[in-house]
Amino acid sequence: PIEVVVELNPEPSPKSGTRGERIAQARAAFERQ
């Protein structure tokens, strides 16, 4: 086996909500992908 970093294509960043809400949305989108 080979150790590899898999970089994912990011989903578009949320445009609305508070900073905390946008961070939570971005994190949830990453977790789904």
All heavy atoms as atom14 arrays in JSON, in Angstrom:
{
  "sequence": "PIEVVVELNPEPSPKSGTRGERIAQARAAFERQ",
  "atom14_mask": [
    [1, 1, 1, 1, 1, 1, 1, 0, 0, 0, 0, 0, 0, 0],
    [1, 1, 1, 1, 1, 1, 1, 1, 0, 0, 0, 0, 0, 0],
    [1, 1, 1, 1, 1, 1, 1, 1, 1, 0, 0, 0, 0, 0],
    [1, 1, 1, 1, 1, 1, 1, 0, 0, 0, 0, 0, 0, 0],
    [1, 1, 1, 1, 1, 1, 1, 0, 0, 0, 0, 0, 0, 0],
    [1, 1, 1, 1, 1, 1, 1, 0, 0, 0, 0, 0, 0, 0],
    [1, 1, 1, 1, 1, 1, 1, 1, 1, 0, 0, 0, 0, 0],
    [1, 1, 1, 1, 1, 1, 1, 1, 0, 0, 0, 0, 0, 0],
    [1, 1, 1, 1, 1, 1, 1, 1, 0, 0, 0, 0, 0, 0],
    [1, 1, 1, 1, 1, 1, 1, 0, 0, 0, 0, 0, 0, 0],
    [1, 1, 1, 1, 1, 1, 1, 1, 1, 0, 0, 0, 0, 0],
    [1, 1, 1, 1, 1, 1, 1, 0, 0, 0, 0, 0, 0, 0],
    [1, 1, 1, 1, 1, 1, 0, 0, 0, 0, 0, 0, 0, 0],
    [1, 1, 1, 1, 1, 1, 1, 0, 0, 0, 0, 0, 0, 0],
    [1, 1, 1, 1, 1, 1, 1, 1, 1, 0, 0, 0, 0, 0],
    [1, 1, 1, 1, 1, 1, 0, 0, 0, 0, 0, 0, 0, 0],
    [1, 1, 1, 1, 0, 0, 0, 0, 0, 0, 0, 0, 0, 0],
    [1, 1, 1, 1, 1, 1, 1, 0, 0, 0, 0, 0, 0, 0],
    [1, 1, 1, 1, 1, 1, 1, 1, 1, 1, 1, 0, 0, 0],
    [1, 1, 1, 1, 0, 0, 0, 0, 0, 0, 0, 0, 0, 0],
    [1, 1, 1, 1, 1, 1, 1, 1, 1, 0, 0, 0, 0, 0],
    [1, 1, 1, 1, 1, 1, 1, 1, 1, 1, 1, 0, 0, 0],
    [1, 1, 1, 1, 1, 1, 1, 1, 0, 0, 0, 0, 0, 0],
    [1, 1, 1, 1, 1, 0, 0, 0, 0, 0, 0, 0, 0, 0],
    [1, 1, 1, 1, 1, 1, 1, 1, 1, 0, 0, 0, 0, 0],
    [1, 1, 1, 1, 1, 0, 0, 0, 0, 0, 0, 0, 0, 0],
    [1, 1, 1, 1, 1, 1, 1, 1, 1, 1, 1, 0, 0, 0],
    [1, 1, 1, 1, 1, 0, 0, 0, 0, 0, 0, 0, 0, 0],
    [1, 1, 1, 1, 1, 0, 0, 0, 0, 0, 0, 0, 0, 0],
    [1, 1, 1, 1, 1, 1, 1, 1, 1, 1, 1, 0, 0, 0],
    [1, 1, 1, 1, 1, 1, 1, 1, 1, 0, 0, 0, 0, 0],
    [1, 1, 1, 1, 1, 1, 1, 1, 1, 1, 1, 0, 0, 0],
    [1, 1, 1, 1, 1, 1, 1, 1, 1, 0, 0, 0, 0, 0]
  ],
  "atom14_positions": [
    [[0.83, -1.21, 0.0], [0.0, 0.0, 0.0], [0.86, 1.26, 0.0], [2.0, 1.26, 0.47], [-0.82, -0.1, 1.28], [-0.22, -1.18, 2.08], [0.71, -1.97, 1.23], [0.0, 0.0, 0.0], [0.0, 0.0, 0.0], [0.0, 0.0, 0.0], [0.0, 0.0, 0.0], [0.0, 0.0, 0.0], [0.0, 0.0, 0.0], [0.0, 0.0, 0.0]],
    [[0.28, 2.32, -0.54], [0.98, 3.6, -0.69], [0.22, 4.67, 0.08], [-1.0, 4.76, -0.03], [1.05, 4.01, -2.18], [1.7, 2.9, -3.0], [1.78, 5.33, -2.36], [1.53, 3.08, -4.49], [0.0, 0.0, 0.0], [0.0, 0.0, 0.0], [0.0, 0.0, 0.0], [0.0, 0.0, 0.0], [0.0, 0.0, 0.0], [0.0, 0.0, 0.0]],
    [[0.93, 5.49, 0.85], [0.27, 6.61, 1.53], [0.06, 7.72, 0.52], [1.01, 8.16, -0.15], [1.09, 7.09, 2.73], [0.94, 6.15, 3.89], [1.26, 6.78, 5.24], [1.18, 8.01, 5.38], [1.6, 6.0, 6.14], [0.0, 0.0, 0.0], [0.0, 0.0, 0.0], [0.0, 0.0, 0.0], [0.0, 0.0, 0.0], [0.0, 0.0, 0.0]],
    [[-1.18, 8.17, 0.41], [-1.58, 9.15, -0.6], [-2.49, 10.18, 0.04], [-3.37, 9.84, 0.82], [-2.33, 8.46, -1.77], [-2.83, 9.46, -2.79], [-1.44, 7.41, -2.43], [0.0, 0.0, 0.0], [0.0, 0.0, 0.0], [0.0, 0.0, 0.0], [0.0, 0.0, 0.0], [0.0, 0.0, 0.0], [0.0, 0.0, 0.0], [0.0, 0.0, 0.0]],
    [[-2.29, 11.44, -0.33], [-3.24, 12.5, 0.03], [-4.19, 12.66, -1.15], [-3.75, 12.9, -2.28], [-2.51, 13.84, 0.33], [-3.52, 14.96, 0.53], [-1.62, 13.68, 1.55], [0.0, 0.0, 0.0], [0.0, 0.0, 0.0], [0.0, 0.0, 0.0], [0.0, 0.0, 0.0], [0.0, 0.0, 0.0], [0.0, 0.0, 0.0], [0.0, 0.0, 0.0]],
    [[-5.47, 12.48, -0.87], [-6.51, 12.62, -1.88], [-7.14, 14.0, -1.69], [-7.77, 14.25, -0.66], [-7.58, 11.52, -1.76], [-8.67, 11.7, -2.8], [-6.94, 10.14, -1.86], [0.0, 0.0, 0.0], [0.0, 0.0, 0.0], [0.0, 0.0, 0.0], [0.0, 0.0, 0.0], [0.0, 0.0, 0.0], [0.0, 0.0, 0.0], [0.0, 0.0, 0.0]],
    [[-6.9, 14.89, -2.64], [-7.48, 16.24, -2.58], [-8.8, 16.22, -3.34], [-8.84, 15.83, -4.51], [-6.54, 17.25, -3.2], [-5.21, 17.36, -2.48], [-4.24, 18.32, -3.15], [-4.69, 19.21, -3.91], [-3.04, 18.15, -2.93], [0.0, 0.0, 0.0], [0.0, 0.0, 0.0], [0.0, 0.0, 0.0], [0.0, 0.0, 0.0], [0.0, 0.0, 0.0]],
    [[-9.87, 16.65, -2.69], [-11.2, 16.64, -3.3], [-11.49, 17.98, -3.97], [-10.98, 19.02, -3.55], [-12.27, 16.35, -2.26], [-12.11, 15.02, -1.5], [-13.24, 14.86, -0.5], [-12.05, 13.86, -2.45], [0.0, 0.0, 0.0], [0.0, 0.0, 0.0], [0.0, 0.0, 0.0], [0.0, 0.0, 0.0], [0.0, 0.0, 0.0], [0.0, 0.0, 0.0]],
    [[-12.32, 17.93, -5.0], [-12.79, 19.17, -5.62], [-13.77, 19.83, -4.66], [-14.75, 19.2, -4.27], [-13.51, 18.86, -6.95], [-12.53, 18.58, -8.05], [-11.58, 19.31, -8.25], [-12.76, 17.51, -8.79], [0.0, 0.0, 0.0], [0.0, 0.0, 0.0], [0.0, 0.0, 0.0], [0.0, 0.0, 0.0], [0.0, 0.0, 0.0], [0.0, 0.0, 0.0]],
    [[-13.52, 21.05, -4.27], [-14.43, 21.69, -3.32], [-15.77, 22.03, -3.97], [-15.83, 22.35, -5.16], [-13.69, 22.96, -2.9], [-12.75, 23.23, -4.02], [-12.41, 21.9, -4.64], [0.0, 0.0, 0.0], [0.0, 0.0, 0.0], [0.0, 0.0, 0.0], [0.0, 0.0, 0.0], [0.0, 0.0, 0.0], [0.0, 0.0, 0.0], [0.0, 0.0, 0.0]],
    [[-16.81, 21.94, -3.17], [-18.11, 22.4, -3.63], [-18.13, 23.92, -3.5], [-17.35, 24.49, -2.73], [-19.21, 21.76, -2.79], [-19.3, 20.26, -3.05], [-20.54, 19.64, -2.45], [-21.44, 20.36, -1.97], [-20.62, 18.41, -2.48], [0.0, 0.0, 0.0], [0.0, 0.0, 0.0], [0.0, 0.0, 0.0], [0.0, 0.0, 0.0], [0.0, 0.0, 0.0]],
    [[-19.01, 24.61, -4.24], [-19.06, 26.07, -4.14], [-19.3, 26.51, -2.7], [-20.06, 25.88, -1.96], [-20.24, 26.45, -5.03], [-20.4, 25.29, -5.96], [-19.96, 24.07, -5.21], [0.0, 0.0, 0.0], [0.0, 0.0, 0.0], [0.0, 0.0, 0.0], [0.0, 0.0, 0.0], [0.0, 0.0, 0.0], [0.0, 0.0, 0.0], [0.0, 0.0, 0.0]],
    [[-18.64, 27.6, -2.31], [-18.78, 28.12, -0.95], [-20.16, 28.73, -0.74], [-20.68, 29.38, -1.64], [-17.73, 29.2, -0.68], [-16.45, 28.65, -0.79], [0.0, 0.0, 0.0], [0.0, 0.0, 0.0], [0.0, 0.0, 0.0], [0.0, 0.0, 0.0], [0.0, 0.0, 0.0], [0.0, 0.0, 0.0], [0.0, 0.0, 0.0], [0.0, 0.0, 0.0]],
    [[-20.74, 28.52, 0.44], [-22.02, 29.15, 0.74], [-21.88, 30.67, 0.72], [-20.85, 31.21, 1.14], [-22.37, 28.65, 2.14], [-21.36, 27.62, 2.49], [-20.23, 27.71, 1.53], [0.0, 0.0, 0.0], [0.0, 0.0, 0.0], [0.0, 0.0, 0.0], [0.0, 0.0, 0.0], [0.0, 0.0, 0.0], [0.0, 0.0, 0.0], [0.0, 0.0, 0.0]],
    [[-22.89, 31.36, 0.25], [-22.84, 32.83, 0.14], [-23.68, 33.52, 1.2], [-23.55, 34.72, 1.39], [-23.33, 33.27, -1.25], [-22.54, 32.68, -2.4], [-21.13, 33.2, -2.43], [-20.39, 32.64, -3.62], [-19.0, 32.48, -3.43], [0.0, 0.0, 0.0], [0.0, 0.0, 0.0], [0.0, 0.0, 0.0], [0.0, 0.0, 0.0], [0.0, 0.0, 0.0]],
    [[-24.58, 32.79, 1.86], [-25.44, 33.44, 2.84], [-25.27, 32.81, 4.22], [-24.71, 31.73, 4.35], [-26.91, 33.34, 2.4], [-27.29, 31.98, 2.35], [0.0, 0.0, 0.0], [0.0, 0.0, 0.0], [0.0, 0.0, 0.0], [0.0, 0.0, 0.0], [0.0, 0.0, 0.0], [0.0, 0.0, 0.0], [0.0, 0.0, 0.0], [0.0, 0.0, 0.0]],
    [[-25.75, 33.52, 5.23], [-25.65, 33.06, 6.6], [-24.5, 33.73, 7.32], [-23.69, 34.45, 6.73], [0.0, 0.0, 0.0], [0.0, 0.0, 0.0], [0.0, 0.0, 0.0], [0.0, 0.0, 0.0], [0.0, 0.0, 0.0], [0.0, 0.0, 0.0], [0.0, 0.0, 0.0], [0.0, 0.0, 0.0], [0.0, 0.0, 0.0], [0.0, 0.0, 0.0]],
    [[-24.43, 33.47, 8.6], [-23.34, 34.03, 9.41], [-22.05, 33.29, 9.05], [-22.07, 32.24, 8.39], [-23.61, 33.84, 10.91], [-23.61, 32.43, 11.2], [-24.95, 34.47, 11.33], [0.0, 0.0, 0.0], [0.0, 0.0, 0.0], [0.0, 0.0, 0.0], [0.0, 0.0, 0.0], [0.0, 0.0, 0.0], [0.0, 0.0, 0.0], [0.0, 0.0, 0.0]],
    [[-20.95, 33.81, 9.51], [-19.66, 33.17, 9.26], [-19.68, 31.74, 9.79], [-19.26, 30.8, 9.12], [-18.54, 33.97, 9.91], [-17.16, 33.39, 9.69], [-16.08, 34.3, 10.29], [-14.76, 33.83, 9.97], [-14.07, 32.98, 10.72], [-14.58, 32.51, 11.84], [-12.86, 32.6, 10.35], [0.0, 0.0, 0.0], [0.0, 0.0, 0.0], [0.0, 0.0, 0.0]],
    [[-20.19, 31.55, 10.99], [-20.28, 30.22, 11.58], [-21.16, 29.28, 10.77], [-20.83, 28.1, 10.6], [0.0, 0.0, 0.0], [0.0, 0.0, 0.0], [0.0, 0.0, 0.0], [0.0, 0.0, 0.0], [0.0, 0.0, 0.0], [0.0, 0.0, 0.0], [0.0, 0.0, 0.0], [0.0, 0.0, 0.0], [0.0, 0.0, 0.0], [0.0, 0.0, 0.0]],
    [[-22.28, 29.8, 10.27], [-23.18, 28.99, 9.44], [-22.51, 28.59, 8.13], [-22.63, 27.46, 7.68], [-24.48, 29.73, 9.17], [-25.36, 29.88, 10.4], [-26.51, 30.85, 10.2], [-26.44, 31.72, 9.29], [-27.49, 30.74, 10.96], [0.0, 0.0, 0.0], [0.0, 0.0, 0.0], [0.0, 0.0, 0.0], [0.0, 0.0, 0.0], [0.0, 0.0, 0.0]],
    [[-21.78, 29.53, 7.51], [-21.09, 29.23, 6.26], [-20.0, 28.18, 6.48], [-19.81, 27.29, 5.65], [-20.52, 30.5, 5.64], [-21.59, 31.45, 5.11], [-21.02, 32.6, 4.29], [-19.84, 33.24, 4.84], [-19.84, 34.29, 5.65], [-20.98, 34.84, 6.01], [-18.7, 34.81, 6.09], [0.0, 0.0, 0.0], [0.0, 0.0, 0.0], [0.0, 0.0, 0.0]],
    [[-19.29, 28.28, 7.6], [-18.26, 27.29, 7.92], [-18.9, 25.92, 8.11], [-18.41, 24.91, 7.59], [-17.45, 27.72, 9.16], [-16.56, 28.91, 8.81], [-16.63, 26.56, 9.71], [-15.9, 29.56, 10.0], [0.0, 0.0, 0.0], [0.0, 0.0, 0.0], [0.0, 0.0, 0.0], [0.0, 0.0, 0.0], [0.0, 0.0, 0.0], [0.0, 0.0, 0.0]],
    [[-19.99, 25.88, 8.85], [-20.69, 24.6, 9.09], [-21.19, 24.0, 7.77], [-21.09, 22.78, 7.56], [-21.84, 24.81, 10.06], [0.0, 0.0, 0.0], [0.0, 0.0, 0.0], [0.0, 0.0, 0.0], [0.0, 0.0, 0.0], [0.0, 0.0, 0.0], [0.0, 0.0, 0.0], [0.0, 0.0, 0.0], [0.0, 0.0, 0.0], [0.0, 0.0, 0.0]],
    [[-21.71, 24.83, 6.88], [-22.19, 24.35, 5.58], [-21.03, 23.81, 4.74], [-21.16, 22.77, 4.09], [-22.92, 25.46, 4.83], [-24.24, 25.85, 5.44], [-24.8, 27.11, 4.79], [-24.3, 27.61, 3.79], [-25.86, 27.64, 5.39], [0.0, 0.0, 0.0], [0.0, 0.0, 0.0], [0.0, 0.0, 0.0], [0.0, 0.0, 0.0], [0.0, 0.0, 0.0]],
    [[-19.91, 24.52, 4.75], [-18.74, 24.07, 3.97], [-18.21, 22.75, 4.52], [-17.86, 21.84, 3.76], [-17.66, 25.14, 3.99], [0.0, 0.0, 0.0], [0.0, 0.0, 0.0], [0.0, 0.0, 0.0], [0.0, 0.0, 0.0], [0.0, 0.0, 0.0], [0.0, 0.0, 0.0], [0.0, 0.0, 0.0], [0.0, 0.0, 0.0], [0.0, 0.0, 0.0]],
    [[-18.18, 22.63, 5.83], [-17.7, 21.39, 6.46], [-18.63, 20.23, 6.14], [-18.18, 19.13, 5.82], [-17.58, 21.6, 7.96], [-16.93, 20.45, 8.65], [-16.72, 20.74, 10.11], [-15.8, 19.78, 10.65], [-15.12, 19.93, 11.74], [-15.23, 21.04, 12.43], [-14.32, 18.99, 12.17], [0.0, 0.0, 0.0], [0.0, 0.0, 0.0], [0.0, 0.0, 0.0]],
    [[-19.93, 20.46, 6.21], [-20.92, 19.41, 5.91], [-20.81, 18.99, 4.45], [-20.91, 17.79, 4.13], [-22.33, 19.91, 6.24], [0.0, 0.0, 0.0], [0.0, 0.0, 0.0], [0.0, 0.0, 0.0], [0.0, 0.0, 0.0], [0.0, 0.0, 0.0], [0.0, 0.0, 0.0], [0.0, 0.0, 0.0], [0.0, 0.0, 0.0], [0.0, 0.0, 0.0]],
    [[-20.59, 19.94, 3.55], [-20.45, 19.61, 2.12], [-19.22, 18.74, 1.9], [-19.25, 17.77, 1.14], [-20.36, 20.89, 1.29], [0.0, 0.0, 0.0], [0.0, 0.0, 0.0], [0.0, 0.0, 0.0], [0.0, 0.0, 0.0], [0.0, 0.0, 0.0], [0.0, 0.0, 0.0], [0.0, 0.0, 0.0], [0.0, 0.0, 0.0], [0.0, 0.0, 0.0]],
    [[-18.11, 19.07, 2.58], [-16.9, 18.26, 2.48], [-17.18, 16.84, 2.98], [-16.8, 15.86, 2.34], [-15.75, 18.87, 3.27], [-14.61, 17.9, 3.48], [-13.75, 17.6, 2.44], [-14.43, 17.27, 4.7], [-12.71, 16.68, 2.61], [-13.4, 16.35, 4.89], [-12.54, 16.06, 3.84], [0.0, 0.0, 0.0], [0.0, 0.0, 0.0], [0.0, 0.0, 0.0]],
    [[-17.84, 16.72, 4.13], [-18.1, 15.41, 4.71], [-18.96, 14.55, 3.78], [-18.71, 13.36, 3.64], [-18.73, 15.53, 6.09], [-17.78, 16.05, 7.16], [-16.54, 15.18, 7.36], [-16.58, 13.96, 7.12], [-15.5, 15.73, 7.77], [0.0, 0.0, 0.0], [0.0, 0.0, 0.0], [0.0, 0.0, 0.0], [0.0, 0.0, 0.0], [0.0, 0.0, 0.0]],
    [[-19.95, 15.15, 3.14], [-20.79, 14.39, 2.19], [-19.94, 13.85, 1.04], [-20.04, 12.68, 0.66], [-21.91, 15.27, 1.63], [-23.08, 15.48, 2.56], [-24.24, 16.13, 1.86], [-23.91, 17.42, 1.26], [-23.94, 18.58, 1.9], [-24.27, 18.63, 3.17], [-23.63, 19.7, 1.27], [0.0, 0.0, 0.0], [0.0, 0.0, 0.0], [0.0, 0.0, 0.0]],
    [[-19.12, 14.71, 0.48], [-18.27, 14.31, -0.64], [-17.22, 13.31, -0.19], [-16.95, 12.31, -0.87], [-17.61, 15.55, -1.24], [-16.89, 15.28, -2.52], [-16.81, 16.51, -3.37], [-17.83, 17.03, -3.77], [-15.61, 16.96, -3.64], [0.0, 0.0, 0.0], [0.0, 0.0, 0.0], [0.0, 0.0, 0.0], [0.0, 0.0, 0.0], [0.0, 0.0, 0.0]]
  ]
}
